[in-house]
């Protein structure tokens, strides 16, 4: 388990994109400039369809 992530901030940035996915955009460690992420949730599937992270967050999560 990666111990880097201690907190996740949710700022109510949630919307439905043109493909019909629910998109959640937020960040970890109170630092949206360095550690942001975007999760695309497939409608009616209860699964994360895709997850993208900022380069610095990706680097910190390599050992997951």
N, C-alpha and C. Protein backbone atom coordinates (compact mmCIF):
# COMPACT_ATOMS: atom_id res chain seq x y z
N UNK A 1 0.84 -1.19 0.00
CA UNK A 1 0.00 0.00 0.00
C UNK A 1 0.87 1.24 0.00
N UNK A 2 0.48 2.21 -0.76
CA UNK A 2 1.20 3.47 -0.85
C UNK A 2 0.78 4.37 0.30
N UNK A 3 1.73 4.89 1.05
CA UNK A 3 1.41 5.75 2.20
C UNK A 3 1.45 7.23 1.86
N UNK A 4 1.64 7.58 0.59
CA UNK A 4 1.72 8.99 0.20
C UNK A 4 0.39 9.72 0.41
N UNK A 5 -0.71 9.11 0.03
CA UNK A 5 -2.01 9.78 0.10
C UNK A 5 -2.54 9.72 1.52
N UNK A 6 -2.65 10.90 2.13
CA UNK A 6 -3.19 11.02 3.48
C UNK A 6 -4.57 11.65 3.49
N UNK A 7 -4.87 12.44 2.46
CA UNK A 7 -6.19 13.08 2.38
C UNK A 7 -6.56 13.32 0.92
N UNK A 8 -7.86 13.26 0.66
CA UNK A 8 -8.40 13.56 -0.66
C UNK A 8 -9.43 14.67 -0.48
N UNK A 9 -9.31 15.72 -1.28
CA UNK A 9 -10.23 16.84 -1.19
C UNK A 9 -11.29 16.73 -2.28
N UNK A 10 -12.54 16.87 -1.90
CA UNK A 10 -13.63 16.85 -2.87
C UNK A 10 -14.28 18.23 -2.87
N UNK A 11 -14.19 18.91 -4.00
CA UNK A 11 -14.68 20.28 -4.13
C UNK A 11 -15.95 20.36 -4.98
N UNK A 12 -16.68 19.27 -5.08
CA UNK A 12 -17.92 19.23 -5.85
C UNK A 12 -17.72 19.50 -7.33
N UNK A 13 -16.57 19.11 -7.89
CA UNK A 13 -16.34 19.22 -9.32
C UNK A 13 -16.74 17.88 -9.94
N UNK A 14 -18.04 17.76 -10.20
CA UNK A 14 -18.60 16.54 -10.77
C UNK A 14 -19.51 16.95 -11.91
N UNK A 15 -19.37 16.27 -13.05
CA UNK A 15 -20.23 16.58 -14.19
C UNK A 15 -20.35 15.35 -15.09
N UNK A 16 -21.27 15.41 -16.02
CA UNK A 16 -21.44 14.34 -17.00
C UNK A 16 -20.87 14.83 -18.32
N UNK A 17 -19.92 14.08 -18.88
CA UNK A 17 -19.29 14.51 -20.14
C UNK A 17 -20.15 14.10 -21.34
N UNK A 18 -19.70 14.44 -22.53
CA UNK A 18 -20.46 14.17 -23.74
C UNK A 18 -20.65 12.68 -24.02
N UNK A 19 -19.77 11.84 -23.48
CA UNK A 19 -19.88 10.39 -23.67
C UNK A 19 -20.83 9.75 -22.63
N UNK A 20 -21.32 10.55 -21.70
CA UNK A 20 -22.23 10.04 -20.68
C UNK A 20 -21.56 9.55 -19.43
N UNK A 21 -20.25 9.72 -19.31
CA UNK A 21 -19.53 9.33 -18.09
C UNK A 21 -19.72 10.39 -17.02
N UNK A 22 -19.77 9.96 -15.78
CA UNK A 22 -19.73 10.87 -14.64
C UNK A 22 -18.26 11.15 -14.37
N UNK A 23 -17.87 12.42 -14.34
CA UNK A 23 -16.47 12.80 -14.16
C UNK A 23 -16.30 13.51 -12.81
N UNK A 24 -15.33 13.03 -12.04
CA UNK A 24 -14.98 13.64 -10.76
C UNK A 24 -13.56 14.17 -10.89
N UNK A 25 -13.37 15.46 -10.65
CA UNK A 25 -12.04 16.08 -10.70
C UNK A 25 -11.73 16.66 -9.33
N UNK A 26 -10.64 16.22 -8.74
CA UNK A 26 -10.24 16.72 -7.43
C UNK A 26 -8.74 16.57 -7.24
N UNK A 27 -8.29 16.62 -5.99
CA UNK A 27 -6.86 16.60 -5.71
C UNK A 27 -6.59 16.02 -4.33
N UNK A 28 -5.33 15.72 -4.07
CA UNK A 28 -4.93 15.21 -2.76
C UNK A 28 -3.98 16.19 -2.09
N UNK A 29 -3.89 16.10 -0.79
CA UNK A 29 -2.98 16.92 0.03
C UNK A 29 -3.18 18.42 -0.13
N UNK A 30 -4.38 18.86 -0.33
CA UNK A 30 -4.67 20.31 -0.43
C UNK A 30 -3.78 21.02 -1.43
N UNK A 31 -3.39 20.33 -2.50
CA UNK A 31 -2.50 20.93 -3.49
C UNK A 31 -2.97 20.61 -4.91
N UNK A 32 -3.98 21.34 -5.41
CA UNK A 32 -4.51 21.03 -6.73
C UNK A 32 -3.53 21.26 -7.87
N UNK A 33 -2.55 22.12 -7.71
CA UNK A 33 -1.59 22.37 -8.77
C UNK A 33 -0.65 21.18 -8.98
N UNK A 34 -0.31 20.48 -7.92
CA UNK A 34 0.65 19.38 -8.03
C UNK A 34 0.00 18.01 -8.08
N UNK A 35 -1.08 17.79 -7.34
CA UNK A 35 -1.59 16.44 -7.12
C UNK A 35 -3.07 16.30 -7.50
N UNK A 36 -3.40 16.62 -8.72
CA UNK A 36 -4.79 16.52 -9.17
C UNK A 36 -5.06 15.18 -9.83
N UNK A 37 -6.34 14.82 -9.89
CA UNK A 37 -6.75 13.61 -10.59
C UNK A 37 -8.14 13.80 -11.18
N UNK A 38 -8.46 12.95 -12.13
CA UNK A 38 -9.77 12.94 -12.77
C UNK A 38 -10.20 11.49 -12.92
N UNK A 39 -11.38 11.17 -12.40
CA UNK A 39 -11.91 9.80 -12.51
C UNK A 39 -13.17 9.84 -13.35
N UNK A 40 -13.24 8.95 -14.33
CA UNK A 40 -14.42 8.81 -15.18
C UNK A 40 -15.15 7.55 -14.75
N UNK A 41 -16.39 7.73 -14.33
CA UNK A 41 -17.19 6.62 -13.84
C UNK A 41 -18.20 6.23 -14.92
N UNK A 42 -18.20 4.97 -15.32
CA UNK A 42 -19.13 4.50 -16.34
C UNK A 42 -20.53 4.45 -15.73
N UNK A 43 -21.46 5.09 -16.38
CA UNK A 43 -22.83 5.17 -15.89
C UNK A 43 -23.43 3.77 -15.77
N UNK A 44 -24.10 3.51 -14.66
CA UNK A 44 -24.79 2.24 -14.37
C UNK A 44 -23.87 1.03 -14.28
N UNK A 45 -22.57 1.21 -14.03
CA UNK A 45 -21.69 0.05 -13.94
C UNK A 45 -21.00 -0.07 -12.58
N UNK A 46 -21.03 0.97 -11.76
CA UNK A 46 -20.34 0.97 -10.47
C UNK A 46 -18.84 0.74 -10.61
N UNK A 47 -18.26 1.15 -11.72
CA UNK A 47 -16.83 0.97 -11.95
C UNK A 47 -16.20 2.28 -12.41
N UNK A 48 -14.91 2.43 -12.12
CA UNK A 48 -14.14 3.54 -12.65
C UNK A 48 -13.70 3.14 -14.06
N UNK A 49 -14.14 3.89 -15.05
CA UNK A 49 -13.81 3.59 -16.44
C UNK A 49 -12.38 4.01 -16.77
N UNK A 50 -11.97 5.17 -16.26
CA UNK A 50 -10.59 5.63 -16.45
C UNK A 50 -10.21 6.57 -15.32
N UNK A 51 -8.92 6.64 -15.06
CA UNK A 51 -8.38 7.51 -14.02
C UNK A 51 -7.14 8.18 -14.57
N UNK A 52 -7.09 9.48 -14.50
CA UNK A 52 -5.89 10.20 -14.91
C UNK A 52 -5.39 11.02 -13.74
N UNK A 53 -4.08 11.17 -13.65
CA UNK A 53 -3.47 11.91 -12.56
C UNK A 53 -2.44 12.88 -13.11
N UNK A 54 -2.16 13.91 -12.33
CA UNK A 54 -1.11 14.84 -12.71
C UNK A 54 0.23 14.11 -12.69
N UNK A 55 1.22 14.59 -13.42
CA UNK A 55 2.53 13.91 -13.44
C UNK A 55 3.15 13.72 -12.05
N UNK A 56 3.02 14.73 -11.20
CA UNK A 56 3.63 14.61 -9.87
C UNK A 56 2.89 13.59 -9.00
N UNK A 57 1.57 13.53 -9.13
CA UNK A 57 0.82 12.52 -8.38
C UNK A 57 1.15 11.12 -8.91
N UNK A 58 1.26 10.98 -10.21
CA UNK A 58 1.63 9.68 -10.80
C UNK A 58 2.96 9.21 -10.26
N UNK A 59 3.92 10.11 -10.17
CA UNK A 59 5.25 9.75 -9.68
C UNK A 59 5.18 9.26 -8.24
N UNK A 60 4.38 9.90 -7.41
CA UNK A 60 4.26 9.50 -6.01
C UNK A 60 3.53 8.17 -5.85
N UNK A 61 2.70 7.81 -6.81
CA UNK A 61 1.89 6.60 -6.70
C UNK A 61 2.51 5.39 -7.41
N UNK A 62 3.71 5.51 -7.89
CA UNK A 62 4.35 4.43 -8.65
C UNK A 62 4.41 3.13 -7.87
N UNK A 63 4.63 3.18 -6.57
CA UNK A 63 4.79 1.94 -5.80
C UNK A 63 3.48 1.35 -5.31
N UNK A 64 2.36 1.76 -5.85
CA UNK A 64 1.06 1.18 -5.46
C UNK A 64 0.96 -0.26 -5.89
